[in-house]
Protein backbone atom coordinates (compact mmCIF):
# COMPACT_ATOMS: atom_id res chain seq x y z
CA UNK A 1 92.41 133.30 119.97
CA UNK A 2 95.12 130.66 119.60
CA UNK A 3 97.67 133.10 121.01
CA UNK A 4 95.43 133.68 124.05
CA UNK A 5 95.21 129.93 124.67
CA UNK A 6 98.96 129.57 124.38
CA UNK A 7 99.64 132.49 126.69
CA UNK A 8 97.11 131.16 129.22
CA UNK A 9 98.84 127.81 129.09
CA UNK A 10 102.21 129.49 129.68
CA UNK A 11 101.00 131.51 132.67
CA UNK A 12 99.37 128.56 134.39
CA UNK A 13 102.36 126.29 133.90
CA UNK A 14 104.87 128.85 135.16
CA UNK A 15 102.74 129.64 138.20
CA UNK A 16 103.90 133.25 138.47
CA UNK A 17 101.52 134.77 135.96
CA UNK A 18 104.28 136.92 134.48
CA UNK A 19 104.11 135.04 131.19
CA UNK A 20 107.12 132.79 130.77
CA UNK A 21 107.52 130.40 127.82
CA UNK A 22 107.82 126.75 128.70
CA UNK A 23 108.77 123.75 126.66
CA UNK A 24 105.09 122.63 126.61
CA UNK A 25 104.04 125.80 124.82
CA UNK A 26 106.79 125.46 122.25
CA UNK A 27 105.92 121.81 121.76
CA UNK A 28 102.28 122.73 121.08
CA UNK A 29 103.30 125.43 118.59
CA UNK A 30 105.72 123.01 116.90
CA UNK A 31 103.02 120.36 116.51
CA UNK A 32 100.61 122.91 115.01
CA UNK A 33 103.26 124.09 112.55
CA UNK A 34 104.11 120.50 111.63
CA UNK A 35 100.44 119.68 110.99
CA UNK A 36 100.13 122.79 108.83
CA UNK A 37 103.20 121.88 106.77
CA UNK A 38 102.03 118.26 106.27
CA UNK A 39 98.60 119.51 105.17
CA UNK A 40 100.13 121.93 102.67
CA UNK A 41 102.42 119.25 101.16
CA UNK A 42 99.55 116.75 100.86
CA UNK A 43 97.27 119.38 99.30
CA UNK A 44 99.92 120.34 96.75
CA UNK A 45 100.54 116.71 95.71
CA UNK A 46 96.81 116.11 95.30
CA UNK A 47 96.42 119.28 93.26
CA UNK A 48 99.30 118.32 90.92
CA UNK A 49 97.85 114.86 90.42
CA UNK A 50 94.41 116.27 89.57
CA UNK A 51 95.96 118.81 87.19
CA UNK A 52 97.92 116.06 85.40
CA UNK A 53 94.76 113.96 85.01
CA UNK A 54 92.94 116.96 83.53
CA UNK A 55 95.76 117.65 81.07
CA UNK A 56 95.82 113.98 80.02
CA UNK A 57 92.05 114.08 79.46
CA UNK A 58 92.32 117.23 77.34
CA UNK A 59 95.16 115.74 75.30
CA UNK A 60 93.08 112.58 74.69
CA UNK A 61 90.31 114.50 72.89
CA UNK A 62 90.15 113.52 69.23
CA UNK A 63 87.69 114.29 66.42
CA UNK A 64 84.50 112.32 66.98
CA UNK A 65 84.54 112.60 70.80
CA UNK A 66 81.46 114.00 72.52
CA UNK A 67 82.20 117.06 74.65
CA UNK A 68 80.32 119.25 77.12
CA UNK A 69 81.78 122.69 77.75
CA UNK A 70 81.77 124.66 80.99
CA UNK A 71 79.04 126.80 79.44
CA UNK A 72 76.80 123.74 78.98
CA UNK A 73 77.15 123.45 75.19
CA UNK A 74 77.20 119.82 74.05
CA UNK A 75 78.46 118.58 70.73
CA UNK A 76 80.91 116.46 68.78
CA UNK A 77 84.53 117.49 68.17
CA UNK A 78 85.13 118.00 64.45
CA UNK A 79 88.68 119.34 64.38
CA UNK A 80 91.58 119.83 66.80
CA UNK A 81 93.63 122.95 66.09
CA UNK A 82 97.32 123.43 66.88
CA UNK A 83 96.72 126.53 69.01
CA UNK A 84 94.97 124.63 71.83
CA UNK A 85 91.46 125.01 70.43
CA UNK A 86 88.93 122.69 68.85
CA UNK A 87 85.87 123.03 66.63
CA UNK A 88 82.61 121.72 68.11
CA UNK A 89 79.63 120.68 66.00
CA UNK A 90 76.27 121.30 67.69
CA UNK A 91 72.68 120.89 66.56
CA UNK A 92 70.99 118.31 64.33
CA UNK A 93 70.16 117.93 60.67
CA UNK A 94 66.57 119.08 61.31
CA UNK A 95 67.42 122.16 63.36
CA UNK A 96 70.61 122.97 61.53
CA UNK A 97 74.18 122.37 62.55
CA UNK A 98 76.46 125.00 64.00
CA UNK A 99 80.23 124.97 64.36
CA UNK A 100 81.81 126.76 67.31
CA UNK A 101 85.49 127.11 68.13
CA UNK A 102 86.46 126.63 71.79
CA UNK A 103 89.61 126.62 73.85
CA UNK A 104 90.49 123.16 75.18
CA UNK A 105 90.37 124.51 78.72
CA UNK A 106 86.60 125.04 78.28
CA UNK A 107 85.92 121.28 78.34
CA UNK A 108 83.87 120.17 81.34
CA UNK A 109 83.10 116.55 80.37
CA UNK A 110 84.12 114.27 77.55
CA UNK A 111 83.86 110.66 76.51
CA UNK A 112 87.53 110.62 75.48
CA UNK A 113 89.48 107.79 77.09
CA UNK A 114 93.02 108.45 78.27
CA UNK A 115 95.30 105.79 76.86
CA UNK A 116 97.63 104.41 79.49
CA UNK A 117 101.26 104.12 78.58
CA UNK A 118 102.16 100.59 77.50
CA UNK A 119 105.11 98.89 79.17
CA UNK A 120 108.26 98.73 77.12
CA UNK A 121 108.44 95.91 74.60
CA UNK A 122 110.55 92.90 75.50
CA UNK A 123 113.65 92.15 73.52
CA UNK A 124 113.57 89.40 70.90
CA UNK A 125 115.76 87.07 72.95
CA UNK A 126 113.38 87.11 75.93
CA UNK A 127 110.18 86.56 73.93
CA UNK A 128 110.86 82.97 72.70
CA UNK A 129 111.88 81.86 76.19
CA UNK A 130 108.62 83.23 77.60
CA UNK A 131 106.56 81.55 74.87
CA UNK A 132 108.26 78.20 75.46
CA UNK A 133 107.63 78.47 79.20
CA UNK A 134 104.00 79.36 78.57
CA UNK A 135 103.49 76.37 76.24
CA UNK A 136 105.05 73.80 78.58
CA UNK A 137 102.32 73.87 81.28
CA UNK A 138 99.62 73.71 78.61
CA UNK A 139 101.16 70.52 77.17
CA UNK A 140 101.48 68.91 80.60
CA UNK A 141 97.85 69.48 81.54
CA UNK A 142 96.34 66.95 79.07
CA UNK A 143 98.93 64.33 80.09
CA UNK A 144 97.99 64.74 83.74
CA UNK A 145 94.30 64.44 82.90
CA UNK A 146 94.92 61.16 81.02
CA UNK A 147 96.67 59.66 84.02
CA UNK A 148 93.86 60.62 86.37
CA UNK A 149 91.23 59.25 83.91
CA UNK A 150 93.03 55.92 83.59
CA UNK A 151 92.77 55.25 87.32
């Protein structure tokens, strides 16, 4: 269908009907290819970002977190294994508890919070200078209030 539109555009712009390619047709094809490439790059970046967020969430799961699997089983994580699995405790005291081993990839929802990376610690020489600068405005504030109260 797109080829038919492009060929119709080429025949009408050349005027002869023999089907010559003009710069307008190539420009239209170039724009379509450019849009396709931009869409693919954007889609790939979004997919990588979403995959990284999912991996961070799975790595944040610790014993005691509540988890819901893709199969709909809800429970509390009891143990994290080294082979990428975890043990889930389901049930209650009254109905009886059950322990099921799942792959980490089976997690659908969790209450685990991903810890954000802390900025690097400042060196010891910078810290006292910052503390002194932070204390100076606090000391000046009461002095300024006294002068305004005296007037």
